[in-house]
Amino acid sequence: MWGVCKLNVDGGVLEGRGASLGAVIRDDGGRVKLAASWRGDECWNASIAEAKAILWGLQLAVEFGFRKVQVESDCQGLVTAIREQERGDSCLHLILDDIYHVCNSFESVSWSLIRRGGNKVAHELAHSNMGVLGRQVWLSNFPSCITSLVNTDSPTNDI
């Protein structure tokens, strides 16, 4: 169907208002194919929100038929933990186990650490105040908070 897609993700903790996630999937030509945000009442710390963003972004990629994924995140600790297949029994490690499991659904998965500046669209999706709890997914007619970023954001590879 497609070549390798890029999945950019970001998690956020909204002080006193819960947690949020953002994800954007670009095709191998750099065109945005999917943008998504999620808001919840959950009170997670930042590393849990970031891990949940990775898991949710991977689940979206599976749901929408992407088979080869390059995951880009600005969370160095998580990218390192995932690359090293870190194991443990904490809440974070349970999410990592779910990530490892979902990765089996793909033909290929690679991991890139990117600078925050290369993750603007996912960051905006996770941190904009759209005020809607739950999941929102756009395949076109992207929300106004990201329309200008979609054309100017240029994620880069490993740093």
C-alpha atoms as a PDB file:
ATOM      1  CA  MET A   1       0.000   0.000   0.000  1.00  0.00           C
ATOM      2  CA  TRP A   2       2.565   2.617   1.149  1.00  0.00           C
ATOM      3  CA  GLY A   3       6.292   2.672   1.719  1.00  0.00           C
ATOM      4  CA  VAL A   4       7.710   3.570   5.107  1.00  0.00           C
ATOM      5  CA  CYS A   5       5.545   6.115   6.889  1.00  0.00           C
ATOM      6  CA  LYS A   6       6.749   8.488   9.588  1.00  0.00           C
ATOM      7  CA  LEU A   7       4.835   8.506  12.828  1.00  0.00           C
ATOM      8  CA  ASN A   8       5.448  11.546  15.023  1.00  0.00           C
ATOM      9  CA  VAL A   9       3.991  11.421  18.531  1.00  0.00           C
ATOM     10  CA  ASP A  10       3.870  13.583  21.620  1.00  0.00           C
ATOM     11  CA  GLY A  11       2.275  13.291  25.032  1.00  0.00           C
ATOM     12  CA  GLY A  12       1.255  16.091  27.313  1.00  0.00           C
ATOM     13  CA  VAL A  13       0.206  16.634  30.869  1.00  0.00           C
ATOM     14  CA  LEU A  14      -2.337  19.415  31.185  1.00  0.00           C
ATOM     15  CA  GLU A  15      -1.994  20.801  34.704  1.00  0.00           C
ATOM     16  CA  GLY A  16      -5.202  20.061  36.554  1.00  0.00           C
ATOM     17  CA  ARG A  17      -6.964  19.022  33.353  1.00  0.00           C
ATOM     18  CA  GLY A  18      -5.664  15.530  32.627  1.00  0.00           C
ATOM     19  CA  ALA A  19      -3.454  14.193  29.847  1.00  0.00           C
ATOM     20  CA  SER A  20      -3.296  14.541  26.085  1.00  0.00           C
ATOM     21  CA  LEU A  21      -1.731  12.748  23.141  1.00  0.00           C
ATOM     22  CA  GLY A  22      -0.934  13.806  19.596  1.00  0.00           C
ATOM     23  CA  ALA A  23       0.056  11.786  16.547  1.00  0.00           C
ATOM     24  CA  VAL A  24       0.690  12.536  12.894  1.00  0.00           C
ATOM     25  CA  ILE A  25       1.450  10.025  10.141  1.00  0.00           C
ATOM     26  CA  ARG A  26       3.186  11.105   6.932  1.00  0.00           C
ATOM     27  CA  ASP A  27       3.664   8.956   3.850  1.00  0.00           C
ATOM     28  CA  ASP A  28       7.059   8.323   2.305  1.00  0.00           C
ATOM     29  CA  GLY A  29       6.677  11.568   0.341  1.00  0.00           C
ATOM     30  CA  GLY A  30       6.162  13.639   3.497  1.00  0.00           C
ATOM     31  CA  ARG A  31       2.432  14.222   2.970  1.00  0.00           C
ATOM     32  CA  VAL A  32       0.252  14.080   6.087  1.00  0.00           C
ATOM     33  CA  LYS A  33      -2.089  11.101   5.823  1.00  0.00           C
ATOM     34  CA  LEU A  34      -3.490  11.194   9.357  1.00  0.00           C
ATOM     35  CA  ALA A  35      -3.523  13.554  12.325  1.00  0.00           C
ATOM     36  CA  ALA A  36      -5.014  12.629  15.688  1.00  0.00           C
ATOM     37  CA  SER A  37      -5.418  13.907  19.209  1.00  0.00           C
ATOM     38  CA  TRP A  38      -6.705  12.358  22.401  1.00  0.00           C
ATOM     39  CA  ARG A  39      -7.702  14.012  25.680  1.00  0.00           C
ATOM     40  CA  GLY A  40      -8.513  12.333  28.969  1.00  0.00           C
ATOM     41  CA  ASP A  41      -9.032  13.011  32.675  1.00  0.00           C
ATOM     42  CA  GLU A  42      -6.123  10.717  33.588  1.00  0.00           C
ATOM     43  CA  CYS A  43      -3.398  12.193  35.773  1.00  0.00           C
ATOM     44  CA  TRP A  44      -0.227  10.750  34.250  1.00  0.00           C
ATOM     45  CA  ASN A  45       3.339  11.910  34.657  1.00  0.00           C
ATOM     46  CA  ALA A  46       5.190  13.087  31.544  1.00  0.00           C
ATOM     47  CA  SER A  47       6.971   9.791  30.811  1.00  0.00           C
ATOM     48  CA  ILE A  48       3.713   7.821  30.992  1.00  0.00           C
ATOM     49  CA  ALA A  49       2.019  10.349  28.672  1.00  0.00           C
ATOM     50  CA  GLU A  50       4.906  10.064  26.188  1.00  0.00           C
ATOM     51  CA  ALA A  51       4.809   6.245  26.302  1.00  0.00           C
ATOM     52  CA  LYS A  52       1.023   6.254  25.866  1.00  0.00           C
ATOM     53  CA  ALA A  53       1.464   8.562  22.852  1.00  0.00           C
ATOM     54  CA  ILE A  54       3.859   6.084  21.236  1.00  0.00           C
ATOM     55  CA  LEU A  55       1.532   3.161  21.934  1.00  0.00           C
ATOM     56  CA  TRP A  56      -1.540   5.011  20.683  1.00  0.00           C
ATOM     57  CA  GLY A  57       0.259   6.236  17.560  1.00  0.00           C
ATOM     58  CA  LEU A  58       1.324   2.686  16.733  1.00  0.00           C
ATOM     59  CA  GLN A  59      -2.239   1.446  17.286  1.00  0.00           C
ATOM     60  CA  LEU A  60      -3.513   4.130  14.892  1.00  0.00           C
ATOM     61  CA  ALA A  61      -0.947   3.091  12.286  1.00  0.00           C
ATOM     62  CA  VAL A  62      -2.150  -0.522  12.538  1.00  0.00           C
ATOM     63  CA  GLU A  63      -5.805   0.541  12.415  1.00  0.00           C
ATOM     64  CA  PHE A  64      -5.293   2.586   9.245  1.00  0.00           C
ATOM     65  CA  GLY A  65      -3.240  -0.044   7.423  1.00  0.00           C
ATOM     66  CA  PHE A  66       0.322   1.227   7.607  1.00  0.00           C
ATOM     67  CA  ARG A  67       2.783  -1.694   7.508  1.00  0.00           C
ATOM     68  CA  LYS A  68       6.207  -0.033   7.714  1.00  0.00           C
ATOM     69  CA  VAL A  69       6.716   2.663  10.324  1.00  0.00           C
ATOM     70  CA  GLN A  70       9.495   4.963  11.411  1.00  0.00           C
ATOM     71  CA  VAL A  71       8.514   6.284  14.848  1.00  0.00           C
ATOM     72  CA  GLU A  72       9.854   9.705  15.738  1.00  0.00           C
ATOM     73  CA  SER A  73       9.752  11.012  19.294  1.00  0.00           C
ATOM     74  CA  ASP A  74      11.511  13.801  21.167  1.00  0.00           C
ATOM     75  CA  CYS A  75      11.632  11.725  24.376  1.00  0.00           C
ATOM     76  CA  GLN A  76      15.187  10.391  24.521  1.00  0.00           C
ATOM     77  CA  GLY A  77      14.675   8.103  27.518  1.00  0.00           C
ATOM     78  CA  LEU A  78      11.781   6.277  25.891  1.00  0.00           C
ATOM     79  CA  VAL A  79      13.434   5.899  22.503  1.00  0.00           C
ATOM     80  CA  THR A  80      16.496   4.432  24.229  1.00  0.00           C
ATOM     81  CA  ALA A  81      14.390   2.098  26.411  1.00  0.00           C
ATOM     82  CA  ILE A  82      12.449   0.841  23.391  1.00  0.00           C
ATOM     83  CA  ARG A  83      15.540   0.346  21.231  1.00  0.00           C
ATOM     84  CA  GLU A  84      17.119  -1.682  24.063  1.00  0.00           C
ATOM     85  CA  GLN A  85      13.871  -3.634  24.672  1.00  0.00           C
ATOM     86  CA  GLU A  86      14.025  -2.598  28.334  1.00  0.00           C
ATOM     87  CA  ARG A  87      11.987  -4.805  30.688  1.00  0.00           C
ATOM     88  CA  GLY A  88      10.644  -4.249  34.190  1.00  0.00           C
ATOM     89  CA  ASP A  89       7.492  -4.309  36.296  1.00  0.00           C
ATOM     90  CA  SER A  90       6.658  -0.606  36.653  1.00  0.00           C
ATOM     91  CA  CYS A  91       3.616   1.050  35.050  1.00  0.00           C
ATOM     92  CA  LEU A  92       5.924   2.443  32.380  1.00  0.00           C
ATOM     93  CA  HIS A  93       7.311  -1.010  31.608  1.00  0.00           C
ATOM     94  CA  LEU A  94       3.802  -2.406  31.213  1.00  0.00           C
ATOM     95  CA  ILE A  95       3.192   0.211  28.510  1.00  0.00           C
ATOM     96  CA  LEU A  96       6.546  -0.651  26.925  1.00  0.00           C
ATOM     97  CA  ASP A  97       5.456  -4.308  26.834  1.00  0.00           C
ATOM     98  CA  ASP A  98       2.297  -3.228  24.985  1.00  0.00           C
ATOM     99  CA  ILE A  99       4.453  -1.238  22.536  1.00  0.00           C
ATOM    100  CA  TYR A 100       6.651  -4.283  21.873  1.00  0.00           C
ATOM    101  CA  HIS A 101       3.520  -6.379  21.271  1.00  0.00           C
ATOM    102  CA  VAL A 102       1.962  -3.895  18.817  1.00  0.00           C
ATOM    103  CA  CYS A 103       5.266  -3.714  16.916  1.00  0.00           C
ATOM    104  CA  ASN A 104       4.708  -7.345  15.893  1.00  0.00           C
ATOM    105  CA  SER A 105       1.840  -6.081  13.691  1.00  0.00           C
ATOM    106  CA  PHE A 106       4.254  -4.311  11.324  1.00  0.00           C
ATOM    107  CA  GLU A 107       6.558  -5.494   8.567  1.00  0.00           C
ATOM    108  CA  SER A 108       9.150  -3.095   9.943  1.00  0.00           C
ATOM    109  CA  VAL A 109       9.471  -0.555  12.753  1.00  0.00           C
ATOM    110  CA  SER A 110      12.371   1.802  13.356  1.00  0.00           C
ATOM    111  CA  TRP A 111      12.917   4.390  16.070  1.00  0.00           C
ATOM    112  CA  SER A 112      14.278   7.910  15.758  1.00  0.00           C
ATOM    113  CA  LEU A 113      15.005  10.522  18.343  1.00  0.00           C
ATOM    114  CA  ILE A 114      14.231  13.960  16.926  1.00  0.00           C
ATOM    115  CA  ARG A 115      14.569  17.473  18.185  1.00  0.00           C
ATOM    116  CA  ARG A 116      11.453  19.055  19.595  1.00  0.00           C
ATOM    117  CA  GLY A 117      11.424  21.457  16.627  1.00  0.00           C
ATOM    118  CA  GLY A 118      10.920  18.505  14.268  1.00  0.00           C
ATOM    119  CA  ASN A 119       7.889  17.341  16.221  1.00  0.00           C
ATOM    120  CA  LYS A 120       5.771  20.499  16.010  1.00  0.00           C
ATOM    121  CA  VAL A 121       2.604  19.001  14.536  1.00  0.00           C
ATOM    122  CA  ALA A 122       2.344  16.167  17.075  1.00  0.00           C
ATOM    123  CA  HIS A 123       3.222  18.597  19.879  1.00  0.00           C
ATOM    124  CA  GLU A 124       0.497  21.023  18.812  1.00  0.00           C
ATOM    125  CA  LEU A 125      -2.066  18.223  18.572  1.00  0.00           C
ATOM    126  CA  ALA A 126      -1.170  17.111  22.099  1.00  0.00           C
ATOM    127  CA  HIS A 127      -1.079  20.583  23.633  1.00  0.00           C
ATOM    128  CA  SER A 128      -3.693  22.654  21.819  1.00  0.00           C
ATOM    129  CA  ASN A 129      -6.872  23.298  23.707  1.00  0.00           C
ATOM    130  CA  MET A 130      -9.513  21.795  21.454  1.00  0.00           C
ATOM    131  CA  GLY A 131     -11.582  21.105  24.547  1.00  0.00           C
ATOM    132  CA  VAL A 132     -12.869  17.715  23.433  1.00  0.00           C
ATOM    133  CA  LEU A 133     -12.373  14.629  25.590  1.00  0.00           C
ATOM    134  CA  GLY A 134     -11.665  11.395  23.766  1.00  0.00           C
ATOM    135  CA  ARG A 135     -10.224  10.626  20.372  1.00  0.00           C
ATOM    136  CA  GLN A 136     -10.282  12.786  17.262  1.00  0.00           C
ATOM    137  CA  VAL A 137      -8.809  11.604  13.947  1.00  0.00           C
ATOM    138  CA  TRP A 138      -8.472  13.593  10.736  1.00  0.00           C
ATOM    139  CA  LEU A 139      -7.619  12.139   7.328  1.00  0.00           C
ATOM    140  CA  SER A 140      -8.124  15.530   5.658  1.00  0.00           C
ATOM    141  CA  ASN A 141      -9.456  18.962   6.645  1.00  0.00           C
ATOM    142  CA  PHE A 142      -6.934  19.081   9.471  1.00  0.00           C
ATOM    143  CA  PRO A 143      -7.680  21.318  12.472  1.00  0.00           C
ATOM    144  CA  SER A 144      -6.692  24.952  12.177  1.00  0.00           C
ATOM    145  CA  CYS A 145      -4.143  24.632  15.001  1.00  0.00           C
ATOM    146  CA  ILE A 146      -1.895  22.561  12.699  1.00  0.00           C
ATOM    147  CA  THR A 147      -2.688  23.686   9.147  1.00  0.00           C
ATOM    148  CA  SER A 148       0.212  26.135   8.925  1.00  0.00           C
ATOM    149  CA  LEU A 149       2.571  23.629  10.602  1.00  0.00           C
ATOM    150  CA  VAL A 150       1.668  20.756   8.280  1.00  0.00           C
ATOM    151  CA  ASN A 151       3.466  22.448   5.398  1.00  0.00           C
ATOM    152  CA  THR A 152       6.391  23.904   7.354  1.00  0.00           C
ATOM    153  CA  ASP A 153       7.175  21.149   9.868  1.00  0.00           C
ATOM    154  CA  SER A 154       9.999  19.033   8.518  1.00  0.00           C
ATOM    155  CA  PRO A 155      10.869  16.197  10.875  1.00  0.00           C
ATOM    156  CA  THR A 156      14.491  15.156  10.698  1.00  0.00           C
ATOM    157  CA  ASN A 157      16.121  11.860  11.403  1.00  0.00           C
ATOM    158  CA  ASP A 158      18.219  10.816  14.393  1.00  0.00           C
ATOM    159  CA  ILE A 159      20.165  13.416  16.313  1.00  0.00           C
END
